Protein backbone atom coordinates (compact mmCIF):
# COMPACT_ATOMS: atom_id res chain seq x y z
CA MET A 1 -3.01 -25.31 -15.70
CA ALA A 2 -1.75 -26.30 -18.95
CA ASN A 3 -3.92 -24.98 -22.12
CA MET A 4 -5.69 -22.59 -19.90
CA ASP A 5 -8.74 -21.25 -22.11
CA ALA A 6 -10.54 -17.78 -22.00
CA ASN A 7 -13.20 -18.73 -19.55
CA GLN A 8 -10.57 -20.21 -17.30
CA PHE A 9 -8.68 -17.19 -17.45
CA LYS A 10 -11.77 -15.24 -16.56
CA GLU A 11 -12.55 -17.12 -13.77
CA ILE A 12 -9.09 -17.18 -12.15
CA VAL A 13 -7.43 -13.97 -13.12
CA LEU A 14 -9.92 -11.64 -13.91
CA PRO A 15 -11.52 -11.40 -10.24
CA MET A 16 -8.08 -9.95 -9.26
CA SER A 17 -8.14 -7.21 -11.33
CA GLY A 18 -9.62 -4.92 -8.74
CA LYS A 19 -6.95 -5.79 -6.23
CA LEU A 20 -4.30 -5.12 -8.80
CA PHE A 21 -6.20 -1.76 -9.93
CA HIS A 22 -6.40 -0.53 -6.07
CA PHE A 23 -2.66 -1.65 -5.68
CA ALA A 24 -1.52 0.02 -8.89
CA ASN A 25 -3.60 3.13 -8.11
CA LEU A 26 -1.57 3.65 -4.68
CA LEU A 27 1.70 3.33 -6.53
CA LEU A 28 1.14 5.62 -9.42
CA HIS A 29 -1.70 7.83 -8.00
CA ASP A 30 -3.30 8.13 -11.47
CA THR A 31 -6.43 6.46 -12.27
CA SER A 32 -5.66 5.92 -16.06
CA GLU A 33 -2.36 4.96 -15.81
CA ALA A 34 -3.61 2.28 -12.76
CA GLU A 35 -6.23 1.00 -15.56
CA ASP A 36 -3.38 0.71 -17.99
CA ALA A 37 -1.12 -1.31 -15.54
CA VAL A 38 -3.86 -3.52 -15.03
CA GLN A 39 -4.74 -4.35 -18.69
CA GLU A 40 -0.70 -4.47 -19.25
CA VAL A 41 -0.75 -7.24 -16.45
CA CYS A 42 -3.65 -9.21 -17.75
CA MET A 43 -2.46 -9.30 -21.30
CA LYS A 44 0.94 -10.37 -20.20
CA LEU A 45 -0.93 -13.05 -17.72
CA TRP A 46 -2.86 -13.98 -20.89
CA LYS A 47 0.30 -14.51 -22.92
CA ILE A 48 1.79 -16.87 -20.35
CA ARG A 49 -1.22 -18.45 -19.20
CA ASP A 50 -0.14 -22.16 -19.89
CA SER A 51 2.73 -21.84 -17.57
CA LEU A 52 0.97 -19.77 -14.67
CA ASP A 53 0.48 -23.15 -12.57
CA LYS A 54 4.10 -23.13 -11.74
CA TYR A 55 3.36 -20.20 -9.39
CA ASN A 56 2.64 -21.06 -5.66
CA SER A 57 0.44 -18.09 -5.71
CA MET A 58 -1.11 -16.50 -8.97
CA GLU A 59 -2.46 -13.51 -6.84
CA ALA A 60 1.19 -12.63 -5.44
CA PHE A 61 2.74 -13.16 -9.17
CA ALA A 62 -0.15 -10.81 -10.23
CA MET A 63 0.72 -8.62 -7.39
CA LYS A 64 4.35 -8.67 -8.58
CA VAL A 65 4.18 -8.03 -12.04
CA THR A 66 1.72 -5.23 -11.22
CA ARG A 67 4.60 -3.78 -8.66
CA ASN A 68 7.17 -4.26 -11.55
CA TRP A 69 4.96 -2.46 -14.26
CA CYS A 70 4.08 0.48 -11.68
CA LEU A 71 7.84 1.00 -10.65
CA ASP A 72 9.00 1.12 -14.18
CA ARG A 73 6.30 3.96 -14.85
CA LEU A 74 7.58 5.80 -11.62
CA LYS A 75 11.31 5.55 -12.74
CA ALA A 76 10.86 8.38 -15.09
CA ARG A 77 8.90 10.76 -12.67
CA LYS A 78 9.70 10.66 -8.93
CA PRO A 79 10.17 8.06 -6.25
CA VAL A 80 7.26 5.86 -5.21
CA TYR A 81 4.86 7.57 -3.07
CA VAL A 82 2.35 4.89 -1.57
CA GLY A 83 -0.39 7.11 -1.01
CA ASN A 84 -3.25 7.91 1.60
CA TYR A 85 -3.11 6.21 4.66
CA SER A 86 -5.99 7.50 6.39
CA ALA A 87 -7.90 4.50 5.97
CA LEU A 88 -5.76 2.70 8.55
CA TYR A 89 -7.65 5.07 11.02
CA ASP A 90 -11.19 4.04 12.78
CA SER A 91 -13.75 5.60 10.48
CA ARG A 92 -16.30 4.96 13.49
CA SER A 93 -15.24 7.87 15.00
CA ASP A 94 -17.82 10.89 15.40
CA GLY A 95 -17.77 12.73 12.24
CA THR A 96 -20.17 15.22 13.97
CA ASP A 97 -17.60 16.94 16.17
CA PRO A 98 -15.67 19.66 14.03
CA HIS A 99 -12.72 19.39 16.89
CA LYS A 100 -12.43 15.43 16.57
CA LEU A 101 -12.84 15.54 12.84
CA MET A 102 -9.99 18.15 12.69
CA GLU A 103 -7.86 15.77 15.32
CA LYS A 104 -8.42 12.95 13.00
CA THR A 105 -7.45 15.08 9.63
CA ASP A 106 -4.35 16.02 11.48
CA ARG A 107 -3.51 12.62 12.40
CA ALA A 108 -3.85 11.32 8.96
CA ASN A 109 -1.88 14.04 7.44
CA MET A 110 0.85 13.39 10.02
CA LEU A 111 0.96 9.49 9.10
CA ASN A 112 1.04 10.34 5.30
CA ARG A 113 4.03 12.59 6.33
CA ILE A 114 5.58 9.81 8.40
CA LEU A 115 5.01 7.27 5.47
CA ASP A 116 6.49 9.50 3.13
CA ARG A 117 9.86 9.76 4.73
CA LEU A 118 10.03 5.78 5.27
CA PRO A 119 12.35 4.02 2.68
CA GLU A 120 10.31 2.74 -0.41
CA GLN A 121 10.81 -0.79 0.58
CA GLN A 122 9.40 -0.17 3.78
CA ARG A 123 6.41 1.65 2.42
CA LEU A 124 5.83 -0.92 0.14
CA ILE A 125 5.63 -3.84 2.85
CA ILE A 126 3.34 -1.58 4.94
CA GLN A 127 1.13 -1.12 2.01
CA LEU A 128 0.93 -4.87 1.07
CA ARG A 129 0.58 -6.05 4.70
CA GLU A 130 -1.44 -3.52 6.33
CA LEU A 131 -3.59 -2.37 3.42
CA GLU A 132 -3.42 -5.24 0.92
CA SER A 133 -3.72 -7.57 3.99
CA LEU A 134 -1.17 -10.04 2.09
CA GLU A 135 0.46 -12.90 3.77
CA PHE A 136 4.11 -12.78 4.35
CA ASP A 137 5.03 -15.34 1.91
CA GLN A 138 2.78 -13.30 -0.67
CA ILE A 139 4.76 -10.41 0.08
CA SER A 140 7.97 -12.31 -0.50
CA GLU A 141 6.74 -13.41 -4.03
CA ILE A 142 6.06 -9.83 -4.84
CA MET A 143 9.10 -8.08 -3.35
CA ASP A 144 11.63 -10.74 -4.25
CA LEU A 145 12.89 -10.88 -0.39
CA ASN A 146 12.83 -13.44 1.97
CA VAL A 147 10.05 -13.62 4.65
CA ASN A 148 12.72 -12.61 7.59
CA ALA A 149 13.93 -9.30 5.40
CA ILE A 150 10.15 -8.43 5.48
CA ARG A 151 9.53 -8.99 8.86
CA VAL A 152 12.86 -7.01 9.68
CA SER A 153 11.51 -3.97 7.29
CA LEU A 154 7.95 -3.93 8.53
CA PHE A 155 9.03 -4.11 12.36
CA ARG A 156 11.29 -1.22 11.58
CA ALA A 157 8.60 0.85 9.69
CA ARG A 158 6.27 0.05 12.58
CA ASN A 159 9.07 1.40 15.30
CA LYS A 160 9.79 4.52 12.90
CA ILE A 161 6.08 5.32 12.56
CA ARG A 162 5.16 4.67 16.20
CA ASP A 163 8.18 7.09 17.49
CA GLU A 164 7.15 9.50 15.30
CA PHE A 165 3.63 9.49 16.28
CA LEU A 166 4.86 9.79 19.99
CA LYS A 167 7.06 12.94 19.07
CA TYR A 168 3.79 14.26 17.45
CA GLU A 169 1.46 13.65 19.86
CA GLN A 170 3.79 15.17 23.06
CA ASN A 171 4.58 18.26 21.05
CA GLY A 172 0.96 18.82 20.17
CA HIS A 173 -0.21 18.13 23.50
CA GLN A 174 2.44 20.55 24.97
CA SER A 175 1.68 22.89 22.43
CA ASN A 176 -1.87 22.62 23.09
CA LYS A 177 -1.29 23.18 27.25
CA ALA A 178 0.61 26.48 26.30
CA SER A 179 -1.70 27.91 24.02
CA ALA A 180 -4.61 26.65 26.60
CA GLY A 181 -2.41 28.50 29.43
CA LYS A 182 -2.18 31.73 27.40
CA ILE A 183 -5.91 32.00 26.66
CA LEU A 184 -6.89 31.09 30.42
């Protein structure tokens, strides 16, 4: 796409800005900083618009640039925190039952705590694969890792999440049974 003009740029790059904003906001937890990230990424892409055709996936490249910009911003603050994963839960559950709503909230909070304890790389891969629904080759471009390393990290992260949830469920059910026994 040599000599990309403003109209082509608008048609190709700007439609990605919503996804870039969502990704940046998950990493930064700050709406205004996420907006800054998208602006900076779009400016960078505009500056190199004539060489963008060398990338297999424009979206993966834009996500990678966004990730790098966000990680640079976070280095001075704190470790990367991926964010609220309650969206992974089925939102169709009965929201009128306070008990079910409390259970759902507890599970979402537990999931967030488990994800917080994952290594940064695993959290990012979970986010890109499960929340952003990216393919392995796109994640590979964004993370600068080969697909096998991504699959291994994803496998380990999912196993850790499953194991921690099993512990949580077993402990929760045991304490509930004990409490119920005391009451009855």
